[in-house]
């Protein structure tokens, strides 16, 4: 068999997709933080988010198939629970002054 042409640090498809999901989450958190009216609160939240992502940077826990299915449902805005078929989850925006 021929040796792989990919470098040893190449991400698998699952890892690549999870990385993209994490980056999207980080961007959304920063976008939400930009809406916070108080400067000191905004700085605190931004620092907190940055530190949490740095702290978990080396996390390698792979999701189980059940968790991945739930993640897909949540990504599509559909959450299923006992007795409830589907619920559309809407994003909300903070109103200035609250």
PDB file of N, CA and C in Angstrom:
ATOM      1  N   UNK A   1       0.818  -1.182   0.000  1.00  0.00           N
ATOM      2  CA  UNK A   1       0.000   0.000   0.000  1.00  0.00           C
ATOM      3  C   UNK A   1       0.866   1.251   0.000  1.00  0.00           C
ATOM      4  N   UNK A   2       0.408   2.240  -0.707  1.00  0.00           N
ATOM      5  CA  UNK A   2       1.139   3.501  -0.771  1.00  0.00           C
ATOM      6  C   UNK A   2       0.864   4.319   0.483  1.00  0.00           C
ATOM      7  N   UNK A   3       1.819   5.099   0.864  1.00  0.00           N
ATOM      8  CA  UNK A   3       1.665   5.965   2.038  1.00  0.00           C
ATOM      9  C   UNK A   3       0.675   7.080   1.717  1.00  0.00           C
ATOM     10  N   UNK A   4      -0.038   7.527   2.730  1.00  0.00           N
ATOM     11  CA  UNK A   4      -1.010   8.603   2.556  1.00  0.00           C
ATOM     12  C   UNK A   4      -0.293   9.905   2.221  1.00  0.00           C
ATOM     13  N   UNK A   5      -0.895  10.685   1.360  1.00  0.00           N
ATOM     14  CA  UNK A   5      -0.312  11.980   0.993  1.00  0.00           C
ATOM     15  C   UNK A   5      -0.732  13.081   1.961  1.00  0.00           C
ATOM     16  N   UNK A   6      -1.653  12.759   2.856  1.00  0.00           N
ATOM     17  CA  UNK A   6      -2.125  13.759   3.806  1.00  0.00           C
ATOM     18  C   UNK A   6      -1.141  13.899   4.962  1.00  0.00           C
ATOM     19  N   UNK A   7      -0.941  15.114   5.433  1.00  0.00           N
ATOM     20  CA  UNK A   7      -0.076  15.292   6.601  1.00  0.00           C
ATOM     21  C   UNK A   7      -0.712  14.596   7.818  1.00  0.00           C
ATOM     22  N   UNK A   8       0.087  14.177   8.783  1.00  0.00           N
ATOM     23  CA  UNK A   8      -0.449  13.450   9.939  1.00  0.00           C
ATOM     24  C   UNK A   8      -1.451  14.247  10.771  1.00  0.00           C
ATOM     25  N   UNK A   9      -1.401  15.571  10.727  1.00  0.00           N
ATOM     26  CA  UNK A   9      -2.292  16.397  11.539  1.00  0.00           C
ATOM     27  C   UNK A   9      -3.596  16.747  10.817  1.00  0.00           C
ATOM     28  N   UNK A  10      -3.882  16.126   9.686  1.00  0.00           N
ATOM     29  CA  UNK A  10      -5.090  16.423   8.931  1.00  0.00           C
ATOM     30  C   UNK A  10      -6.322  15.992   9.718  1.00  0.00           C
ATOM     31  N   UNK A  11      -7.335  16.847   9.729  1.00  0.00           N
ATOM     32  CA  UNK A  11      -8.576  16.546  10.445  1.00  0.00           C
ATOM     33  C   UNK A  11      -9.426  15.556   9.658  1.00  0.00           C
ATOM     34  N   UNK A  12     -10.158  14.724  10.395  1.00  0.00           N
ATOM     35  CA  UNK A  12     -11.134  13.868   9.744  1.00  0.00           C
ATOM     36  C   UNK A  12     -12.334  14.740   9.383  1.00  0.00           C
ATOM     37  N   UNK A  13     -13.254  14.214   8.597  1.00  0.00           N
ATOM     38  CA  UNK A  13     -14.437  14.980   8.213  1.00  0.00           C
ATOM     39  C   UNK A  13     -15.243  15.373   9.452  1.00  0.00           C
ATOM     40  N   UNK A  14     -15.424  14.437  10.382  1.00  0.00           N
ATOM     41  CA  UNK A  14     -16.167  14.738  11.619  1.00  0.00           C
ATOM     42  C   UNK A  14     -15.490  15.850  12.408  1.00  0.00           C
ATOM     43  N   UNK A  15     -14.159  15.775  12.518  1.00  0.00           N
ATOM     44  CA  UNK A  15     -13.424  16.802  13.255  1.00  0.00           C
ATOM     45  C   UNK A  15     -13.534  18.156  12.566  1.00  0.00           C
ATOM     46  N   UNK A  16     -13.463  18.148  11.245  1.00  0.00           N
ATOM     47  CA  UNK A  16     -13.573  19.390  10.479  1.00  0.00           C
ATOM     48  C   UNK A  16     -14.945  20.034  10.690  1.00  0.00           C
ATOM     49  N   UNK A  17     -15.984  19.220  10.612  1.00  0.00           N
ATOM     50  CA  UNK A  17     -17.351  19.735  10.792  1.00  0.00           C
ATOM     51  C   UNK A  17     -17.536  20.252  12.206  1.00  0.00           C
ATOM     52  N   UNK A  18     -17.047  19.510  13.205  1.00  0.00           N
ATOM     53  CA  UNK A  18     -17.167  19.954  14.599  1.00  0.00           C
ATOM     54  C   UNK A  18     -16.418  21.269  14.795  1.00  0.00           C
ATOM     55  N   UNK A  19     -15.250  21.405  14.168  1.00  0.00           N
ATOM     56  CA  UNK A  19     -14.480  22.652  14.273  1.00  0.00           C
ATOM     57  C   UNK A  19     -15.274  23.821  13.700  1.00  0.00           C
ATOM     58  N   UNK A  20     -15.911  23.594  12.560  1.00  0.00           N
ATOM     59  CA  UNK A  20     -16.726  24.642  11.951  1.00  0.00           C
ATOM     60  C   UNK A  20     -17.902  25.022  12.846  1.00  0.00           C
ATOM     61  N   UNK A  21     -18.511  24.034  13.491  1.00  0.00           N
ATOM     62  CA  UNK A  21     -19.620  24.299  14.406  1.00  0.00           C
ATOM     63  C   UNK A  21     -19.153  25.118  15.602  1.00  0.00           C
ATOM     64  N   UNK A  22     -17.981  24.795  16.120  1.00  0.00           N
ATOM     65  CA  UNK A  22     -17.439  25.534  17.258  1.00  0.00           C
ATOM     66  C   UNK A  22     -17.133  26.971  16.858  1.00  0.00           C
ATOM     67  N   UNK A  23     -16.539  27.156  15.696  1.00  0.00           N
ATOM     68  CA  UNK A  23     -16.243  28.515  15.228  1.00  0.00           C
ATOM     69  C   UNK A  23     -17.521  29.321  15.015  1.00  0.00           C
ATOM     70  N   UNK A  24     -18.550  28.685  14.476  1.00  0.00           N
ATOM     71  CA  UNK A  24     -19.831  29.363  14.290  1.00  0.00           C
ATOM     72  C   UNK A  24     -20.431  29.754  15.638  1.00  0.00           C
ATOM     73  N   UNK A  25     -20.351  28.865  16.605  1.00  0.00           N
ATOM     74  CA  UNK A  25     -20.841  29.168  17.950  1.00  0.00           C
ATOM     75  C   UNK A  25     -20.086  30.355  18.537  1.00  0.00           C
ATOM     76  N   UNK A  26     -18.776  30.362  18.395  1.00  0.00           N
ATOM     77  CA  UNK A  26     -17.961  31.464  18.920  1.00  0.00           C
ATOM     78  C   UNK A  26     -18.362  32.795  18.274  1.00  0.00           C
ATOM     79  N   UNK A  27     -18.540  32.771  16.956  1.00  0.00           N
ATOM     80  CA  UNK A  27     -18.961  33.997  16.257  1.00  0.00           C
ATOM     81  C   UNK A  27     -20.319  34.482  16.754  1.00  0.00           C
ATOM     82  N   UNK A  28     -21.253  33.555  16.924  1.00  0.00           N
ATOM     83  CA  UNK A  28     -22.597  33.927  17.401  1.00  0.00           C
ATOM     84  C   UNK A  28     -22.548  34.499  18.816  1.00  0.00           C
ATOM     85  N   UNK A  29     -21.704  33.924  19.651  1.00  0.00           N
ATOM     86  CA  UNK A  29     -21.561  34.446  21.014  1.00  0.00           C
ATOM     87  C   UNK A  29     -21.014  35.868  20.969  1.00  0.00           C
ATOM     88  N   UNK A  30     -19.986  36.093  20.157  1.00  0.00           N
ATOM     89  CA  UNK A  30     -19.427  37.441  20.049  1.00  0.00           C
ATOM     90  C   UNK A  30     -20.432  38.435  19.473  1.00  0.00           C
ATOM     91  N   UNK A  31     -21.243  38.005  18.507  1.00  0.00           N
ATOM     92  CA  UNK A  31     -22.278  38.875  17.954  1.00  0.00           C
ATOM     93  C   UNK A  31     -23.297  39.248  19.026  1.00  0.00           C
ATOM     94  N   UNK A  32     -23.681  38.284  19.844  1.00  0.00           N
ATOM     95  CA  UNK A  32     -24.637  38.556  20.919  1.00  0.00           C
ATOM     96  C   UNK A  32     -24.024  39.494  21.956  1.00  0.00           C
ATOM     97  N   UNK A  33     -22.752  39.308  22.254  1.00  0.00           N
ATOM     98  CA  UNK A  33     -22.072  40.160  23.233  1.00  0.00           C
ATOM     99  C   UNK A  33     -21.998  41.601  22.736  1.00  0.00           C
ATOM    100  N   UNK A  34     -21.846  41.794  21.431  1.00  0.00           N
ATOM    101  CA  UNK A  34     -21.800  43.158  20.879  1.00  0.00           C
ATOM    102  C   UNK A  34     -23.084  43.933  21.152  1.00  0.00           C
ATOM    103  N   UNK A  35     -24.166  43.229  21.415  1.00  0.00           N
ATOM    104  CA  UNK A  35     -25.459  43.882  21.648  1.00  0.00           C
ATOM    105  C   UNK A  35     -25.632  44.330  23.105  1.00  0.00           C
ATOM    106  N   UNK A  36     -24.715  43.921  23.983  1.00  0.00           N
ATOM    107  CA  UNK A  36     -24.800  44.307  25.394  1.00  0.00           C
ATOM    108  C   UNK A  36     -24.467  45.790  25.501  1.00  0.00           C
ATOM    109  N   UNK A  37     -25.370  46.583  26.092  1.00  0.00           N
ATOM    110  CA  UNK A  37     -25.165  48.030  26.105  1.00  0.00           C
ATOM    111  C   UNK A  37     -24.041  48.525  27.024  1.00  0.00           C
ATOM    112  N   UNK A  38     -23.805  47.892  28.143  1.00  0.00           N
ATOM    113  CA  UNK A  38     -22.810  48.353  29.105  1.00  0.00           C
ATOM    114  C   UNK A  38     -21.411  47.916  28.672  1.00  0.00           C
ATOM    115  N   UNK A  39     -20.493  48.890  28.564  1.00  0.00           N
ATOM    116  CA  UNK A  39     -19.126  48.611  28.101  1.00  0.00           C
ATOM    117  C   UNK A  39     -18.393  47.616  28.991  1.00  0.00           C
ATOM    118  N   UNK A  40     -18.499  47.799  30.299  1.00  0.00           N
ATOM    119  CA  UNK A  40     -17.758  46.909  31.204  1.00  0.00           C
ATOM    120  C   UNK A  40     -18.331  45.490  31.159  1.00  0.00           C
ATOM    121  N   UNK A  41     -19.668  45.360  31.045  1.00  0.00           N
ATOM    122  CA  UNK A  41     -20.280  44.035  30.917  1.00  0.00           C
ATOM    123  C   UNK A  41     -19.859  43.369  29.611  1.00  0.00           C
ATOM    124  N   UNK A  42     -19.835  44.172  28.550  1.00  0.00           N
ATOM    125  CA  UNK A  42     -19.442  43.653  27.240  1.00  0.00           C
ATOM    126  C   UNK A  42     -17.996  43.135  27.278  1.00  0.00           C
ATOM    127  N   UNK A  43     -17.092  43.903  27.891  1.00  0.00           N
ATOM    128  CA  UNK A  43     -15.697  43.475  27.999  1.00  0.00           C
ATOM    129  C   UNK A  43     -15.581  42.217  28.846  1.00  0.00           C
ATOM    130  N   UNK A  44     -16.306  42.166  29.963  1.00  0.00           N
ATOM    131  CA  UNK A  44     -16.267  40.990  30.831  1.00  0.00           C
ATOM    132  C   UNK A  44     -16.732  39.742  30.071  1.00  0.00           C
ATOM    133  N   UNK A  45     -17.853  39.853  29.369  1.00  0.00           N
ATOM    134  CA  UNK A  45     -18.398  38.706  28.634  1.00  0.00           C
ATOM    135  C   UNK A  45     -17.470  38.259  27.506  1.00  0.00           C
ATOM    136  N   UNK A  46     -16.877  39.227  26.824  1.00  0.00           N
ATOM    137  CA  UNK A  46     -15.957  38.892  25.741  1.00  0.00           C
ATOM    138  C   UNK A  46     -14.732  38.165  26.280  1.00  0.00           C
ATOM    139  N   UNK A  47     -14.174  38.662  27.387  1.00  0.00           N
ATOM    140  CA  UNK A  47     -13.032  37.999  28.006  1.00  0.00           C
ATOM    141  C   UNK A  47     -13.402  36.605  28.499  1.00  0.00           C
ATOM    142  N   UNK A  48     -14.585  36.489  29.094  1.00  0.00           N
ATOM    143  CA  UNK A  48     -15.058  35.194  29.582  1.00  0.00           C
ATOM    144  C   UNK A  48     -15.177  34.188  28.435  1.00  0.00           C
ATOM    145  N   UNK A  49     -15.811  34.601  27.338  1.00  0.00           N
ATOM    146  CA  UNK A  49     -15.997  33.704  26.191  1.00  0.00           C
ATOM    147  C   UNK A  49     -14.634  33.286  25.637  1.00  0.00           C
ATOM    148  N   UNK A  50     -13.735  34.231  25.484  1.00  0.00           N
ATOM    149  CA  UNK A  50     -12.401  33.930  24.946  1.00  0.00           C
ATOM    150  C   UNK A  50     -11.673  32.928  25.839  1.00  0.00           C
ATOM    151  N   UNK A  51     -11.712  33.146  27.155  1.00  0.00           N
ATOM    152  CA  UNK A  51     -11.027  32.238  28.083  1.00  0.00           C
ATOM    153  C   UNK A  51     -11.654  30.843  28.077  1.00  0.00           C
ATOM    154  N   UNK A  52     -12.975  30.759  28.004  1.00  0.00           N
ATOM    155  CA  UNK A  52     -13.639  29.451  27.978  1.00  0.00           C
ATOM    156  C   UNK A  52     -13.263  28.668  26.723  1.00  0.00           C
ATOM    157  N   UNK A  53     -13.219  29.339  25.600  1.00  0.00           N
ATOM    158  CA  UNK A  53     -12.842  28.651  24.367  1.00  0.00           C
ATOM    159  C   UNK A  53     -11.368  28.249  24.406  1.00  0.00           C
ATOM    160  N   UNK A  54     -10.508  29.106  24.963  1.00  0.00           N
ATOM    161  CA  UNK A  54      -9.093  28.742  25.096  1.00  0.00           C
ATOM    162  C   UNK A  54      -8.937  27.551  26.040  1.00  0.00           C
ATOM    163  N   UNK A  55      -9.688  27.570  27.152  1.00  0.00           N
ATOM    164  CA  UNK A  55      -9.589  26.505  28.146  1.00  0.00           C
ATOM    165  C   UNK A  55     -10.007  25.159  27.560  1.00  0.00           C
ATOM    166  N   UNK A  56     -10.951  25.168  26.654  1.00  0.00           N
ATOM    167  CA  UNK A  56     -11.458  23.933  26.064  1.00  0.00           C
ATOM    168  C   UNK A  56     -10.880  23.641  24.685  1.00  0.00           C
ATOM    169  N   UNK A  57      -9.846  24.379  24.310  1.00  0.00           N
ATOM    170  CA  UNK A  57      -9.256  24.232  22.982  1.00  0.00           C
ATOM    171  C   UNK A  57      -8.781  22.814  22.699  1.00  0.00           C
ATOM    172  N   UNK A  58      -8.242  22.152  23.706  1.00  0.00           N
ATOM    173  CA  UNK A  58      -7.694  20.823  23.489  1.00  0.00           C
ATOM    174  C   UNK A  58      -8.706  19.705  23.741  1.00  0.00           C
ATOM    175  N   UNK A  59      -9.964  20.051  23.956  1.00  0.00           N
ATOM    176  CA  UNK A  59     -10.988  19.027  24.193  1.00  0.00           C
ATOM    177  C   UNK A  59     -11.113  18.146  22.963  1.00  0.00           C
ATOM    178  N   UNK A  60     -11.109  16.835  23.184  1.00  0.00           N
ATOM    179  CA  UNK A  60     -11.161  15.903  22.065  1.00  0.00           C
ATOM    180  C   UNK A  60     -12.344  14.960  22.149  1.00  0.00           C
ATOM    181  N   UNK A  61     -13.257  15.203  23.062  1.00  0.00           N
ATOM    182  CA  UNK A  61     -14.395  14.316  23.231  1.00  0.00           C
ATOM    183  C   UNK A  61     -15.216  14.260  21.947  1.00  0.00           C
ATOM    184  N   UNK A  62     -15.362  13.074  21.426  1.00  0.00           N
ATOM    185  CA  UNK A  62     -16.165  12.891  20.220  1.00  0.00           C
ATOM    186  C   UNK A  62     -17.612  12.659  20.630  1.00  0.00           C
ATOM    187  N   UNK A  63     -18.523  13.172  19.879  1.00  0.00           N
ATOM    188  CA  UNK A  63     -19.941  13.029  20.183  1.00  0.00           C
ATOM    189  C   UNK A  63     -20.417  11.640  19.786  1.00  0.00           C
ATOM    190  N   UNK A  64     -21.368  11.126  20.551  1.00  0.00           N
ATOM    191  CA  UNK A  64     -21.963   9.831  20.223  1.00  0.00           C
ATOM    192  C   UNK A  64     -22.967  10.027  19.091  1.00  0.00           C
ATOM    193  N   UNK A  65     -23.366   8.963  18.399  1.00  0.00           N
ATOM    194  CA  UNK A  65     -24.360   9.104  17.328  1.00  0.00           C
ATOM    195  C   UNK A  65     -25.653   9.750  17.812  1.00  0.00           C
ATOM    196  N   UNK A  66     -26.073   9.446  19.037  1.00  0.00           N
ATOM    197  CA  UNK A  66     -27.290  10.048  19.587  1.00  0.00           C
ATOM    198  C   UNK A  66     -27.109  11.549  19.731  1.00  0.00           C
ATOM    199  N   UNK A  67     -25.955  11.966  20.244  1.00  0.00           N
ATOM    200  CA  UNK A  67     -25.671  13.389  20.418  1.00  0.00           C
ATOM    201  C   UNK A  67     -25.594  14.089  19.062  1.00  0.00           C
ATOM    202  N   UNK A  68     -24.985  13.447  18.078  1.00  0.00           N
ATOM    203  CA  UNK A  68     -24.885  14.046  16.752  1.00  0.00           C
ATOM    204  C   UNK A  68     -26.266  14.235  16.133  1.00  0.00           C
ATOM    205  N   UNK A  69     -27.152  13.268  16.317  1.00  0.00           N
ATOM    206  CA  UNK A  69     -28.515  13.400  15.790  1.00  0.00           C
ATOM    207  C   UNK A  69     -29.223  14.575  16.463  1.00  0.00           C
ATOM    208  N   UNK A  70     -29.049  14.722  17.767  1.00  0.00           N
ATOM    209  CA  UNK A  70     -29.656  15.840  18.487  1.00  0.00           C
ATOM    210  C   UNK A  70     -29.066  17.162  18.013  1.00  0.00           C
ATOM    211  N   UNK A  71     -27.746  17.186  17.782  1.00  0.00           N
ATOM    212  CA  UNK A  71     -27.095  18.401  17.284  1.00  0.00           C
ATOM    213  C   UNK A  71     -27.673  18.820  15.938  1.00  0.00           C
ATOM    214  N   UNK A  72     -27.913  17.838  15.056  1.00  0.00           N
ATOM    215  CA  UNK A  72     -28.487  18.142  13.749  1.00  0.00           C
ATOM    216  C   UNK A  72     -29.892  18.716  13.889  1.00  0.00           C
ATOM    217  N   UNK A  73     -30.679  18.147  14.783  1.00  0.00           N
ATOM    218  CA  UNK A  73     -32.034  18.668  15.008  1.00  0.00           C
ATOM    219  C   UNK A  73     -31.975  20.098  15.525  1.00  0.00           C
ATOM    220  N   UNK A  74     -31.071  20.342  16.476  1.00  0.00           N
ATOM    221  CA  UNK A  74     -30.947  21.692  17.019  1.00  0.00           C
ATOM    222  C   UNK A  74     -30.453  22.669  15.964  1.00  0.00           C
ATOM    223  N   UNK A  75     -29.546  22.233  15.110  1.00  0.00           N
ATOM    224  CA  UNK A  75     -29.022  23.097  14.054  1.00  0.00           C
ATOM    225  C   UNK A  75     -30.122  23.481  13.068  1.00  0.00           C
ATOM    226  N   UNK A  76     -31.080  22.596  12.883  1.00  0.00           N
ATOM    227  CA  UNK A  76     -32.199  22.875  11.985  1.00  0.00           C
ATOM    228  C   UNK A  76     -33.352  23.574  12.691  1.00  0.00           C
ATOM    229  N   UNK A  77     -33.197  23.867  13.978  1.00  0.00           N
ATOM    230  CA  UNK A  77     -34.229  24.580  14.722  1.00  0.00           C
ATOM    231  C   UNK A  77     -35.365  23.695  15.183  1.00  0.00           C
ATOM    232  N   UNK A  78     -35.159  22.384  15.218  1.00  0.00           N
ATOM    233  CA  UNK A  78     -36.216  21.467  15.638  1.00  0.00           C
ATOM    234  C   UNK A  78     -35.737  20.730  16.877  1.00  0.00           C
ATOM    235  N   UNK A  79     -36.518  20.813  17.929  1.00  0.00           N
ATOM    236  CA  UNK A  79     -36.196  20.111  19.154  1.00  0.00           C
ATOM    237  C   UNK A  79     -37.363  19.195  19.465  1.00  0.00           C
ATOM    238  N   UNK A  80     -37.091  17.917  19.694  1.00  0.00           N
ATOM    239  CA  UNK A  80     -38.163  16.986  20.026  1.00  0.00           C
ATOM    240  C   UNK A  80     -38.018  16.540  21.468  1.00  0.00           C
ATOM    241  N   UNK A  81     -39.120  16.509  22.165  1.00  0.00           N
ATOM    242  CA  UNK A  81     -39.147  16.026  23.538  1.00  0.00           C
ATOM    243  C   UNK A  81     -40.350  15.122  23.689  1.00  0.00           C
ATOM    244  N   UNK A  82     -40.445  14.426  24.787  1.00  0.00           N
ATOM    245  CA  UNK A  82     -41.562  13.527  25.028  1.00  0.00           C
ATOM    246  C   UNK A  82     -42.870  14.295  24.959  1.00  0.00           C
ATOM    247  N   UNK A  83     -43.781  13.807  24.136  1.00  0.00           N
ATOM    248  CA  UNK A  83     -45.100  14.424  24.021  1.00  0.00           C
ATOM    249  C   UNK A  83     -45.162  15.622  23.087  1.00  0.00           C
ATOM    250  N   UNK A  84     -44.027  16.091  22.616  1.00  0.00           N
ATOM    251  CA  UNK A  84     -44.012  17.239  21.717  1.00  0.00           C
ATOM    252  C   UNK A  84     -43.320  16.808  20.436  1.00  0.00           C
ATOM    253  N   UNK A  85     -43.991  16.992  19.306  1.00  0.00           N
ATOM    254  CA  UNK A  85     -43.402  16.549  18.035  1.00  0.00           C
ATOM    255  C   UNK A  85     -42.230  17.426  17.624  1.00  0.00           C
ATOM    256  N   UNK A  86     -42.466  18.700  17.401  1.00  0.00           N
ATOM    257  CA  UNK A  86     -41.355  19.577  17.030  1.00  0.00           C
ATOM    258  C   UNK A  86     -41.657  21.001  17.463  1.00  0.00           C
ATOM    259  N   UNK A  87     -40.610  21.677  17.804  1.00  0.00           N
ATOM    260  CA  UNK A  87     -40.710  23.071  18.235  1.00  0.00           C
ATOM    261  C   UNK A  87     -39.664  23.847  17.457  1.00  0.00           C
ATOM    262  N   UNK A  88     -40.066  24.925  16.871  1.00  0.00           N
ATOM    263  CA  UNK A  88     -39.111  25.796  16.185  1.00  0.00           C
ATOM    264  C   UNK A  88     -38.487  26.717  17.229  1.00  0.00           C
ATOM    265  N   UNK A  89     -37.189  26.749  17.255  1.00  0.00           N
ATOM    266  CA  UNK A  89     -36.470  27.593  18.201  1.00  0.00           C
ATOM    267  C   UNK A  89     -36.048  28.845  17.462  1.00  0.00           C
ATOM    268  N   UNK A  90     -36.436  29.995  17.993  1.00  0.00           N
ATOM    269  CA  UNK A  90     -36.080  31.251  17.351  1.00  0.00           C
ATOM    270  C   UNK A  90     -34.987  31.944  18.142  1.00  0.00           C
ATOM    271  N   UNK A  91     -34.136  32.635  17.421  1.00  0.00           N
ATOM    272  CA  UNK A  91     -33.109  33.425  18.082  1.00  0.00           C
ATOM    273  C   UNK A  91     -33.759  34.712  18.574  1.00  0.00           C
ATOM    274  N   UNK A  92     -33.215  35.273  19.618  1.00  0.00           N
ATOM    275  CA  UNK A  92     -33.747  36.524  20.117  1.00  0.00           C
ATOM    276  C   UNK A  92     -32.623  37.534  20.218  1.00  0.00           C
ATOM    277  N   UNK A  93     -33.011  38.772  20.163  1.00  0.00           N
ATOM    278  CA  UNK A  93     -32.034  39.848  20.259  1.00  0.00           C
ATOM    279  C   UNK A  93     -32.282  40.625  21.553  1.00  0.00           C
ATOM    280  N   UNK A  94     -31.221  41.077  22.163  1.00  0.00           N
ATOM    281  CA  UNK A  94     -31.356  41.889  23.357  1.00  0.00           C
ATOM    282  C   UNK A  94     -31.793  43.284  22.953  1.00  0.00           C
ATOM    283  N   UNK A  95     -32.719  43.832  23.713  1.00  0.00           N
ATOM    284  CA  UNK A  95     -33.163  45.190  23.435  1.00  0.00           C
ATOM    285  C   UNK A  95     -32.290  46.151  24.237  1.00  0.00           C
ATOM    286  N   UNK A  96     -31.907  47.245  23.626  1.00  0.00           N
ATOM    287  CA  UNK A  96     -31.095  48.225  24.352  1.00  0.00           C
ATOM    288  C   UNK A  96     -31.814  48.706  25.605  1.00  0.00           C
ATOM    289  N   UNK A  97     -31.080  48.834  26.673  1.00  0.00           N
ATOM    290  CA  UNK A  97     -31.647  49.355  27.908  1.00  0.00           C
ATOM    291  C   UNK A  97     -32.203  48.287  28.831  1.00  0.00           C
ATOM    292  N   UNK A  98     -32.140  47.013  28.454  1.00  0.00           N
ATOM    293  CA  UNK A  98     -32.649  45.962  29.346  1.00  0.00           C
ATOM    294  C   UNK A  98     -31.531  45.319  30.111  1.00  0.00           C
TER     295      UNK A  98
END
